[in-house]
Protein backbone atom coordinates (compact mmCIF):
# COMPACT_ATOMS: atom_id res chain seq x y z
CA MET A 1 210.08 102.01 111.23
CA ILE A 2 206.50 102.17 112.55
CA LYS A 3 205.53 105.71 113.64
CA LYS A 4 201.84 106.14 112.23
CA VAL A 5 199.36 103.66 113.48
CA LEU A 6 195.83 103.25 112.91
CA ILE A 7 193.54 100.91 115.44
CA ALA A 8 190.32 99.66 114.25
CA GLU A 9 188.73 98.13 117.43
CA ASP A 10 184.91 98.71 118.47
CA TYR A 11 185.35 97.83 122.24
CA GLN A 12 186.90 100.87 124.07
CA SER A 13 188.77 98.58 126.52
CA ALA A 14 190.71 96.78 123.94
CA ASN A 15 191.41 99.92 122.11
CA ILE A 16 192.91 101.48 124.98
CA SER A 17 194.92 98.39 125.85
CA VAL A 18 196.38 98.58 122.26
CA GLN A 19 197.33 102.21 122.93
CA LYS A 20 199.03 101.48 126.02
CA THR A 21 201.10 98.67 124.41
CA LEU A 22 202.15 100.95 121.48
CA GLU A 23 203.70 103.40 124.04
CA ALA A 24 206.76 100.92 124.56
CA PHE A 25 207.44 101.41 120.85
CA GLY A 26 207.32 104.94 121.01
CA VAL A 27 204.08 105.38 119.30
CA LEU A 28 202.33 107.91 121.59
CA ASP A 29 199.53 109.18 119.64
CA PRO A 30 197.98 106.42 117.40
CA ASP A 31 194.55 107.21 115.55
CA TYR A 32 191.76 105.04 116.51
CA VAL A 33 188.38 104.29 114.92
CA TYR A 34 185.47 102.06 116.07
CA HIS A 35 184.12 101.21 112.62
CA CYS A 36 185.59 99.71 109.53
CA ASP A 37 184.30 102.36 107.40
CA ASP A 38 186.20 105.01 109.18
CA ALA A 39 189.25 103.14 109.07
CA LEU A 40 189.45 102.77 105.40
CA GLN A 41 188.40 106.56 105.03
CA LYS A 42 191.43 107.36 107.20
CA ILE A 43 193.71 105.26 105.52
CA GLN A 44 192.28 106.83 102.17
CA MET A 45 192.71 110.27 103.18
CA ALA A 46 196.20 109.87 104.56
CA LEU A 47 197.37 108.50 101.41
CA LYS A 48 196.05 111.44 99.49
CA ALA A 49 197.76 113.77 101.94
CA GLY A 50 201.05 111.94 101.55
CA THR A 51 201.24 110.96 105.20
CA SER A 52 200.07 107.48 104.91
CA TYR A 53 199.97 104.99 107.79
CA ASP A 54 202.59 102.24 108.58
CA LEU A 55 200.91 99.93 110.58
CA LEU A 56 196.88 99.01 110.81
CA ILE A 57 195.94 97.03 113.89
CA THR A 58 192.38 95.54 113.59
CA ASP A 59 189.81 93.14 115.12
CA LEU A 60 187.72 90.79 112.73
CA SER A 61 184.46 91.18 114.55
CA PHE A 62 182.62 94.20 114.84
CA ASP A 63 179.46 94.64 116.58
CA GLN A 64 176.54 96.40 114.89
CA ASP A 65 175.03 99.70 116.14
CA HIS A 66 172.91 102.47 114.69
CA ARG A 67 175.30 103.52 112.07
CA GLN A 68 174.90 101.94 108.58
CA GLN A 69 178.09 100.20 107.56
CA LYS A 70 179.52 99.27 103.97
CA ILE A 71 182.35 97.35 105.65
CA SER A 72 181.24 95.27 108.78
CA THR A 73 183.98 92.93 109.32
CA GLY A 74 187.81 92.97 109.51
CA GLU A 75 188.40 90.63 106.67
CA ALA A 76 186.35 92.81 104.20
CA LEU A 77 188.38 95.85 105.76
CA ILE A 78 191.73 94.24 105.26
CA ALA A 79 190.69 93.57 101.66
CA ALA A 80 189.88 96.78 100.94
CA VAL A 81 192.63 98.24 102.65
CA ARG A 82 194.95 95.88 100.41
CA LYS A 83 193.70 97.64 97.13
CA ALA A 84 194.06 101.09 98.66
CA GLN A 85 197.54 100.42 100.28
CA PRO A 86 199.19 97.43 99.44
CA ASP A 87 202.32 97.83 101.49
CA LEU A 88 200.51 98.61 104.73
CA LYS A 89 201.53 96.55 107.77
CA ILE A 90 198.66 94.66 109.07
CA LEU A 91 198.21 93.20 112.35
CA VAL A 92 195.09 91.50 113.35
CA PHE A 93 194.12 91.66 117.23
CA SER A 94 190.92 89.46 117.68
CA ALA A 95 189.35 86.28 119.59
CA THR A 96 187.04 85.18 116.63
CA GLY A 97 189.63 83.86 114.21
CA LYS A 98 189.76 79.90 113.53
CA PRO A 99 192.85 78.61 112.22
CA SER A 100 191.66 78.15 108.53
CA VAL A 101 190.63 81.79 108.50
CA ILE A 102 193.76 83.04 109.94
CA GLU A 103 195.60 81.09 107.50
CA ILE A 104 193.65 82.49 104.67
CA LEU A 105 194.51 85.98 105.93
CA PHE A 106 198.33 85.34 105.70
CA LYS A 107 197.92 83.37 102.34
CA LYS A 108 195.58 85.53 100.47
CA GLN A 109 195.76 89.02 102.23
CA ASP A 110 199.31 88.93 103.31
CA ILE A 111 199.03 90.01 106.91
CA ASP A 112 201.87 90.46 108.88
CA GLY A 113 200.63 89.03 112.12
CA TYR A 114 197.82 87.64 114.22
CA VAL A 115 197.32 88.03 118.00
CA SER A 116 194.57 85.88 119.73
CA LYS A 117 192.46 88.09 122.45
CA GLY A 118 192.78 86.39 125.71
CA ARG A 119 195.10 85.43 128.49
CA SER A 120 198.57 87.14 128.01
CA ASP A 121 197.46 88.78 124.87
CA ILE A 122 199.18 91.70 125.72
CA GLU A 123 202.56 90.26 126.00
CA GLU A 124 201.95 88.48 122.85
CA LEU A 125 200.71 91.95 121.10
CA LYS A 126 204.09 93.48 122.23
CA LYS A 127 206.07 90.51 120.46
CA ALA A 128 204.19 90.80 117.35
CA ILE A 129 204.75 94.44 117.25
CA GLU A 130 208.22 94.09 117.57
CA LYS A 131 208.65 91.47 114.92
CA ILE A 132 206.57 93.67 112.53
CA ILE A 133 209.26 96.49 113.27
CA ASN A 134 211.90 94.10 112.23
CA ASN A 135 210.29 93.42 108.94
CA GLN A 136 208.93 89.96 109.99
CA ARG A 137 205.86 88.01 110.56
CA HIS A 138 204.05 86.91 113.72
CA PHE A 139 202.14 83.68 113.53
CA PRO A 140 199.79 82.68 116.22
CA VAL A 141 200.44 79.63 118.34
CA GLU A 142 197.32 77.82 117.01
CA LEU A 143 198.51 78.47 113.42
CA ILE A 144 202.03 77.01 114.09
CA ARG A 145 200.35 73.89 115.94
CA GLN A 146 198.25 73.28 113.03
CA ALA A 147 201.26 73.48 110.50
CA LYS A 148 203.07 70.98 112.73
CA GLN A 149 199.84 68.67 112.84
CA LYS A 150 199.80 68.63 109.14
CA ASN A 151 203.74 68.19 108.51
CA ALA A 152 203.21 65.29 111.31
CA TYR A 153 200.44 63.29 109.34
CA GLU A 154 201.90 60.32 107.92
CA PHE A 155 200.09 59.04 104.70
CA THR A 156 199.86 55.09 104.32
CA GLU A 157 200.34 53.43 101.07
CA THR A 158 196.59 52.72 101.22
CA ASP A 159 195.88 56.55 101.86
CA ILE A 160 197.84 57.43 99.01
CA ALA A 161 196.30 54.80 96.50
CA ILE A 162 192.59 55.82 97.76
CA ILE A 163 193.53 59.56 96.97
CA THR A 164 195.43 58.60 93.50
CA GLN A 165 192.04 56.51 92.47
CA MET A 166 190.01 59.79 93.61
CA THR A 167 191.92 62.06 91.36
CA GLU A 168 191.22 59.49 88.68
CA GLY A 169 187.50 59.93 89.08
CA LYS A 170 186.89 56.51 90.54
CA ARG A 171 183.95 55.77 92.95
CA GLN A 172 184.31 54.18 96.24
CA GLN A 173 183.12 51.02 95.27
CA GLU A 174 185.87 51.02 92.24
CA ILE A 175 188.46 52.29 94.96
CA SER A 176 187.47 49.25 97.18
CA ASP A 177 187.73 46.90 94.38
CA TYR A 178 191.16 48.27 93.52
CA LEU A 179 192.51 48.00 96.97
CA SER A 180 191.26 44.52 97.28
CA GLU A 181 192.88 43.41 94.02
CA ASN A 182 196.13 44.90 95.14
CA ASN A 183 196.07 43.29 98.43
CA MET A 184 195.90 46.74 100.32
CA GLN A 185 193.90 46.85 103.54
CA PRO A 186 191.42 47.84 104.61
CA ALA A 187 189.65 47.88 101.71
CA GLY A 188 185.93 48.03 102.47
CA LYS A 189 183.82 51.25 101.51
CA SER A 190 183.36 51.86 105.06
CA SER A 191 187.14 52.04 105.83
CA ILE A 192 187.51 54.12 102.91
CA GLU A 193 185.34 56.64 104.49
CA LYS A 194 186.93 56.68 107.71
CA ARG A 195 190.55 56.72 106.11
CA LEU A 196 189.16 60.03 104.28
CA LYS A 197 187.48 61.46 107.35
CA LEU A 198 190.82 60.95 109.43
CA MET A 199 192.85 62.46 106.70
CA LYS A 200 190.62 65.53 106.50
CA GLU A 201 190.36 66.09 110.14
CA ALA A 202 194.01 66.04 110.24
CA PHE A 203 194.45 68.99 107.90
CA ASP A 204 191.28 70.73 109.00
CA PHE A 205 189.76 70.19 105.35
CA SER A 206 185.97 69.86 104.83
CA THR A 207 185.94 68.36 101.38
CA ASN A 208 187.80 65.70 99.60
CA GLU A 209 188.57 68.19 96.94
CA GLN A 210 190.66 70.29 99.42
CA LEU A 211 192.48 66.89 100.66
CA ILE A 212 193.31 66.04 97.05
CA ALA A 213 194.25 69.67 96.17
CA HIS A 214 196.66 69.73 99.16
CA CYS A 215 198.21 66.12 98.05
CA ILE A 216 198.86 67.22 94.51
CA LYS A 217 200.51 70.59 95.83
CA MET A 218 202.79 68.74 98.37
CA GLY A 219 203.88 66.33 95.70
CA ILE A 220 202.41 63.52 97.95
CA ILE A 221 200.59 61.96 94.93
């Protein structure tokens, strides 16, 4: 049951929209702050008083103003909150998160939901809150789409050979020679670079190391 909610949002219009959305779930008087430092302080004080929050709804981006802040981003706030109150439900409501950032928040900070600000965001926010009330997670459309792309990518025999050779520390010329010796095409150095670029783009990776780690984790090599 979600009864006590804290909203961390520096734009008043968005703050009011979230409050209105919460009314549909019987939360008529949520607390709200415009700064991350204030959010963490409220959570810590509520814990000490034995009246801890059930849900934190936070943005990721906070504009700087005249106040000096120790915590200036939603990501940093979530990390601090996880240390203070590990079991607190956390819903991110933001327009700034890239799929890779959102994925990290789910995996490393164990957030309970993410909603992108934009068209039809209030309806999406309602769905997210309802899922969280039922102890479920709410994944954004962009993350689901990315996961489908990852699962849909089909590794060729040459792809697997290239990555396997890389795990053995082989350089591109050595990999090219190996492919040629085993009648695998394309085998040229430029073709290997293109295959690596294609694979990294499919998984939204920026380095070969990330690609290799993913393939090992998924049992592809």
